[in-house]
Amino acid sequence: MNIVVLIKQVPDTNEVRIDPVTKTLIRQGVPSIINPEDKNAIEMALTLKQKYGCKVNVVTMGPPQADVALREAMAMGADECYLMTDRAFAGADTYATAKALSTAIKKVFPDCDLVLCGRQAIDGDTAQVGPQTAEQLGIPQVTYVKEVEVTGNKLTVSRAIENGHEIIELSTPALLTIVKEANKPRYPSMSGIFDAYQAEIKTITNDDLKLDNGELGLKGSPTKVVSTETPDTQRSGEVFTGNPKDCCGQLAQRLKQRHLI
């Protein structure tokens, strides 16, 4: 089985700040990480590799420095890593991103059996790239996957739903989006880290995809972000002073007025 894992390098949300003037993310000085649920997708691929002898290819689209995320994936156990980087890809929304990713899969991995990706990315939270990529590839998809079993070209997956799970059977090729509850991503080994920084990261540009520039990046993106706002966290409060018993009585009265008790 030939597996392609799609990952994204994202800013660590614990460090994200919003520019008060431009209302955009301040990325300077903010550390970048592999999108957390994409790590779960990598772990799922590596688990399938151990059970069924699969080949694991990891692909990301981003600037040249995104190769750091790929080297981490390789240190975890991925076989080959590919960086899609081209000025034509810059500013892509989910649709243009899925267009580039699906084209790369068709041209570079024509024998791909399974595409895995995280449920959603923490920087956009849209959960759209995986499903849109499957649609553009013309293959079946299952989202919110927790478990995967393989029998020949048949997959049996457990999908998380609000009050439990459902079992779905489908044939390969297919795309699955993986949730964080699926597994605990492994730590790279020391030898894996050394090997990863000696390994070749293969590059994919639009010269390889041969897409019209109007289909890529900002030009190919129907979604336009007009502004980004941060919620107002300032809240007024009331302080009760005096005898503790009286304060408790006043607090209880306020809660009753607001129908909280």
Protein backbone atom coordinates (compact mmCIF):
# COMPACT_ATOMS: atom_id res chain seq x y z
CA MET A 1 0.00 0.00 0.00
CA ASN A 2 1.27 3.45 -0.94
CA ILE A 3 0.22 6.17 1.54
CA VAL A 4 0.43 9.94 1.11
CA VAL A 5 0.13 12.05 4.26
CA LEU A 6 -0.70 15.72 3.81
CA ILE A 7 0.63 17.97 6.58
CA LYS A 8 0.78 21.68 7.24
CA GLN A 9 3.31 23.78 9.13
CA VAL A 10 1.38 26.24 11.30
CA PRO A 11 2.23 28.92 13.86
CA ASP A 12 2.12 27.68 17.44
CA THR A 13 -1.23 29.05 18.62
CA ASN A 14 0.12 29.54 22.14
CA GLU A 15 2.30 32.29 20.70
CA VAL A 16 -0.07 33.87 18.17
CA ARG A 17 -0.75 37.60 18.34
CA ILE A 18 -2.96 39.81 16.16
CA ASP A 19 -1.72 43.09 14.73
CA PRO A 20 -4.18 45.69 16.12
CA VAL A 21 -3.90 47.82 12.96
CA THR A 22 -3.90 45.30 10.11
CA LYS A 23 -5.95 42.65 12.01
CA THR A 24 -3.66 39.92 10.60
CA LEU A 25 -1.51 37.32 12.33
CA ILE A 26 1.90 38.50 13.50
CA ARG A 27 4.12 35.66 12.30
CA GLN A 28 7.51 37.24 12.97
CA GLY A 29 9.18 35.52 15.89
CA VAL A 30 6.37 32.99 16.26
CA PRO A 31 7.59 29.35 16.30
CA SER A 32 6.13 26.99 13.71
CA ILE A 33 5.02 23.41 14.37
CA ILE A 34 3.42 20.53 12.50
CA ASN A 35 -0.32 20.94 12.76
CA PRO A 36 -1.20 18.68 15.74
CA GLU A 37 -3.83 16.50 14.05
CA ASP A 38 -1.54 16.10 11.03
CA LYS A 39 0.86 14.41 13.45
CA ASN A 40 -1.95 11.99 14.29
CA ALA A 41 -2.26 11.32 10.54
CA ILE A 42 1.49 10.61 10.35
CA GLU A 43 1.21 8.25 13.31
CA MET A 44 -1.73 6.46 11.67
CA ALA A 45 0.32 5.99 8.49
CA LEU A 46 3.30 4.65 10.45
CA THR A 47 1.06 2.25 12.35
CA LEU A 48 -0.34 0.93 9.06
CA LYS A 49 3.22 0.64 7.77
CA GLN A 50 4.18 -1.54 10.72
CA LYS A 51 1.09 -3.75 10.30
CA TYR A 52 0.87 -4.02 6.51
CA GLY A 53 4.24 -2.96 5.11
CA CYS A 54 3.10 0.33 3.53
CA LYS A 55 5.28 3.06 2.06
CA VAL A 56 4.70 6.43 3.74
CA ASN A 57 5.17 9.65 1.73
CA VAL A 58 4.66 13.01 3.47
CA VAL A 59 3.79 16.17 1.53
CA THR A 60 3.47 19.78 2.65
CA MET A 61 2.84 22.99 0.72
CA GLY A 62 4.58 26.08 2.04
CA PRO A 63 7.70 28.27 2.00
CA PRO A 64 11.20 26.73 1.92
CA GLN A 65 11.47 26.75 5.74
CA ALA A 66 8.58 24.25 5.90
CA ASP A 67 11.19 21.56 5.23
CA VAL A 68 11.72 21.54 9.02
CA ALA A 69 8.27 20.00 9.45
CA LEU A 70 9.07 17.39 6.81
CA ARG A 71 12.32 16.45 8.51
CA GLU A 72 10.42 15.94 11.75
CA ALA A 73 8.01 13.63 9.89
CA MET A 74 10.96 11.74 8.43
CA ALA A 75 12.53 11.44 11.88
CA MET A 76 9.27 9.87 13.05
CA GLY A 77 9.60 7.20 10.35
CA ALA A 78 8.29 8.52 7.01
CA ASP A 79 10.00 7.05 3.95
CA GLU A 80 10.03 10.07 1.62
CA CYS A 81 9.09 13.74 2.02
CA TYR A 82 8.06 16.32 -0.57
CA LEU A 83 7.95 20.11 -0.25
CA MET A 84 5.55 21.91 -2.58
CA THR A 85 6.98 25.40 -2.78
CA ASP A 86 6.45 28.03 -5.45
CA ARG A 87 5.53 31.71 -5.41
CA ALA A 88 2.49 30.75 -7.47
CA PHE A 89 1.13 28.81 -4.45
CA ALA A 90 1.31 31.79 -2.06
CA GLY A 91 -1.89 33.08 -0.50
CA ALA A 92 -3.97 30.04 -1.47
CA ASP A 93 -7.29 29.44 0.28
CA THR A 94 -8.59 25.92 0.92
CA TYR A 95 -9.87 25.50 -2.65
CA ALA A 96 -6.62 26.54 -4.35
CA THR A 97 -4.61 24.51 -1.82
CA ALA A 98 -6.69 21.40 -2.54
CA LYS A 99 -6.28 22.03 -6.28
CA ALA A 100 -2.48 22.04 -5.98
CA LEU A 101 -2.36 19.07 -3.58
CA SER A 102 -4.69 16.89 -5.65
CA THR A 103 -2.73 17.65 -8.83
CA ALA A 104 0.53 16.75 -7.09
CA ILE A 105 -0.94 13.45 -5.90
CA LYS A 106 -2.13 12.58 -9.41
CA LYS A 107 1.22 13.40 -11.04
CA VAL A 108 3.77 12.35 -8.40
CA PHE A 109 1.89 9.48 -6.74
CA PRO A 110 -0.30 7.96 -9.47
CA ASP A 111 -0.35 4.63 -7.60
CA CYS A 112 -1.44 6.19 -4.29
CA ASP A 113 -3.82 3.92 -2.35
CA LEU A 114 -4.57 6.07 0.68
CA VAL A 115 -4.37 9.78 1.48
CA LEU A 116 -4.33 10.77 5.15
CA CYS A 117 -4.49 14.21 6.74
CA GLY A 118 -5.49 15.76 10.04
CA ARG A 119 -9.13 16.63 10.68
CA GLN A 120 -8.34 20.36 10.52
CA ALA A 121 -5.55 22.88 10.98
CA ILE A 122 -5.32 25.03 14.10
CA ASP A 123 -4.60 28.23 12.17
CA GLY A 124 -7.75 28.18 10.02
CA ASP A 125 -10.01 25.57 11.66
CA THR A 126 -11.94 25.07 8.40
CA ALA A 127 -11.55 21.27 8.04
CA GLN A 128 -12.01 21.81 4.29
CA VAL A 129 -8.70 20.92 2.63
CA GLY A 130 -8.99 17.16 3.16
CA PRO A 131 -12.56 16.81 1.81
CA GLN A 132 -11.89 19.23 -1.07
CA THR A 133 -8.76 17.27 -2.04
CA ALA A 134 -10.76 14.04 -2.10
CA GLU A 135 -13.42 15.69 -4.29
CA GLN A 136 -10.82 16.93 -6.76
CA LEU A 137 -9.20 13.49 -6.83
CA GLY A 138 -12.60 11.90 -7.36
CA ILE A 139 -12.11 9.36 -4.56
CA PRO A 140 -14.25 8.42 -1.53
CA GLN A 141 -13.55 10.08 1.80
CA VAL A 142 -14.29 9.54 5.48
CA THR A 143 -13.74 12.29 8.04
CA TYR A 144 -13.19 12.13 11.83
CA VAL A 145 -11.49 8.71 11.63
CA LYS A 146 -10.20 7.02 14.81
CA GLU A 147 -9.28 3.51 13.63
CA VAL A 148 -8.35 1.89 10.32
CA GLU A 149 -8.16 -1.77 9.30
CA VAL A 150 -7.00 -2.93 5.86
CA THR A 151 -8.03 -6.10 4.02
CA GLY A 152 -6.68 -6.12 0.48
CA ASN A 153 -8.13 -3.05 -1.20
CA LYS A 154 -10.88 -2.71 1.42
CA LEU A 155 -10.79 -0.36 4.40
CA THR A 156 -12.84 -0.67 7.57
CA VAL A 157 -12.75 2.58 9.54
CA SER A 158 -14.24 3.73 12.81
CA ARG A 159 -15.53 7.29 12.56
CA ALA A 160 -16.11 9.46 15.62
CA ILE A 161 -19.56 11.02 15.88
CA GLU A 162 -21.18 13.11 18.60
CA ASN A 163 -22.55 10.30 20.75
CA GLY A 164 -20.36 7.37 19.76
CA HIS A 165 -18.87 6.01 16.54
CA GLU A 166 -19.87 4.45 13.25
CA ILE A 167 -18.18 1.75 11.19
CA ILE A 168 -17.74 2.44 7.47
CA GLU A 169 -16.36 0.14 4.77
CA LEU A 170 -14.89 1.52 1.56
CA SER A 171 -12.43 0.66 -1.18
CA THR A 172 -9.08 2.24 -1.97
CA PRO A 173 -8.00 4.68 -3.25
CA ALA A 174 -9.56 6.83 -0.54
CA LEU A 175 -8.89 9.82 1.71
CA LEU A 176 -9.30 9.82 5.49
CA THR A 177 -9.05 12.71 7.94
CA ILE A 178 -7.73 11.69 11.36
CA VAL A 179 -8.78 13.01 14.77
CA LYS A 180 -6.48 13.56 17.75
CA GLU A 181 -8.19 10.78 19.72
CA ALA A 182 -6.94 8.23 17.17
CA ASN A 183 -3.49 7.81 18.68
CA LYS A 184 -0.54 9.40 20.43
CA PRO A 185 2.13 10.51 17.92
CA ARG A 186 5.51 8.93 18.59
CA TYR A 187 8.61 10.92 19.43
CA PRO A 188 11.39 10.87 16.83
CA SER A 189 14.36 8.72 17.81
CA MET A 190 17.81 10.25 18.09
CA SER A 191 19.05 8.20 15.14
CA GLY A 192 15.93 9.16 13.22
CA ILE A 193 16.67 12.86 13.76
CA PHE A 194 20.25 12.46 12.51
CA ASP A 195 19.10 10.51 9.46
CA ALA A 196 16.34 13.03 8.70
CA TYR A 197 18.79 15.92 8.48
CA GLN A 198 20.96 13.93 6.09
CA ALA A 199 18.03 12.88 3.90
CA GLU A 200 16.87 14.54 0.69
CA ILE A 201 13.66 16.56 0.75
CA LYS A 202 12.22 16.44 -2.75
CA THR A 203 10.75 19.64 -4.16
CA ILE A 204 7.59 20.07 -6.21
CA THR A 205 6.94 23.36 -8.04
CA ASN A 206 4.31 24.43 -10.53
CA ASP A 207 6.75 23.49 -13.29
CA ASP A 208 5.97 19.92 -12.24
CA LEU A 209 2.22 20.44 -11.88
CA LYS A 210 1.81 22.60 -15.00
CA LEU A 211 -1.29 24.34 -13.66
CA ASP A 212 -2.42 27.73 -14.93
CA ASN A 213 -1.31 30.41 -12.45
CA GLY A 214 -4.90 31.63 -12.39
CA GLU A 215 -5.85 28.39 -10.59
CA LEU A 216 -3.28 28.85 -7.83
CA GLY A 217 -2.51 31.12 -4.89
CA LEU A 218 -4.48 34.32 -4.43
CA LYS A 219 -5.62 34.35 -8.06
CA GLY A 220 -7.17 30.93 -7.76
CA SER A 221 -8.78 31.56 -4.37
CA PRO A 222 -12.50 32.40 -4.32
CA THR A 223 -12.33 33.05 -0.56
CA LYS A 224 -11.21 36.51 0.52
CA VAL A 225 -10.40 37.37 4.14
CA VAL A 226 -11.55 40.95 4.67
CA SER A 227 -10.43 41.27 8.29
CA THR A 228 -9.61 39.35 11.43
CA GLU A 229 -10.93 40.39 14.81
CA THR A 230 -10.01 39.36 18.34
CA PRO A 231 -12.82 39.07 20.91
CA ASP A 232 -13.09 41.68 23.63
CA THR A 233 -12.06 39.93 26.83
CA GLN A 234 -12.77 42.88 29.09
CA ARG A 235 -15.65 42.08 31.44
CA SER A 236 -17.06 44.12 34.28
CA GLY A 237 -17.21 42.47 37.67
CA GLU A 238 -18.70 43.08 41.08
CA VAL A 239 -16.77 42.75 44.32
CA PHE A 240 -18.53 41.99 47.58
CA THR A 241 -16.86 43.26 50.73
CA GLY A 242 -17.63 42.95 54.41
CA ASN A 243 -18.84 40.03 56.47
CA PRO A 244 -18.30 36.71 54.62
CA LYS A 245 -21.81 35.52 55.45
CA ASP A 246 -23.34 38.70 54.04
CA CYS A 247 -21.13 38.45 50.94
CA CYS A 248 -22.35 34.89 50.33
CA GLY A 249 -25.93 36.07 50.62
CA GLN A 250 -25.34 38.87 48.13
CA LEU A 251 -23.65 36.47 45.72
CA ALA A 252 -26.54 34.01 45.95
CA GLN A 253 -28.99 36.82 45.28
CA ARG A 254 -27.10 37.91 42.15
CA LEU A 255 -27.01 34.34 40.84
CA LYS A 256 -30.75 33.98 41.36
CA GLN A 257 -31.37 37.25 39.53
CA ARG A 258 -29.48 35.87 36.55
CA HIS A 259 -31.29 32.50 36.79
CA LEU A 260 -28.03 30.66 37.39
CA ILE A 261 -29.32 28.93 40.53
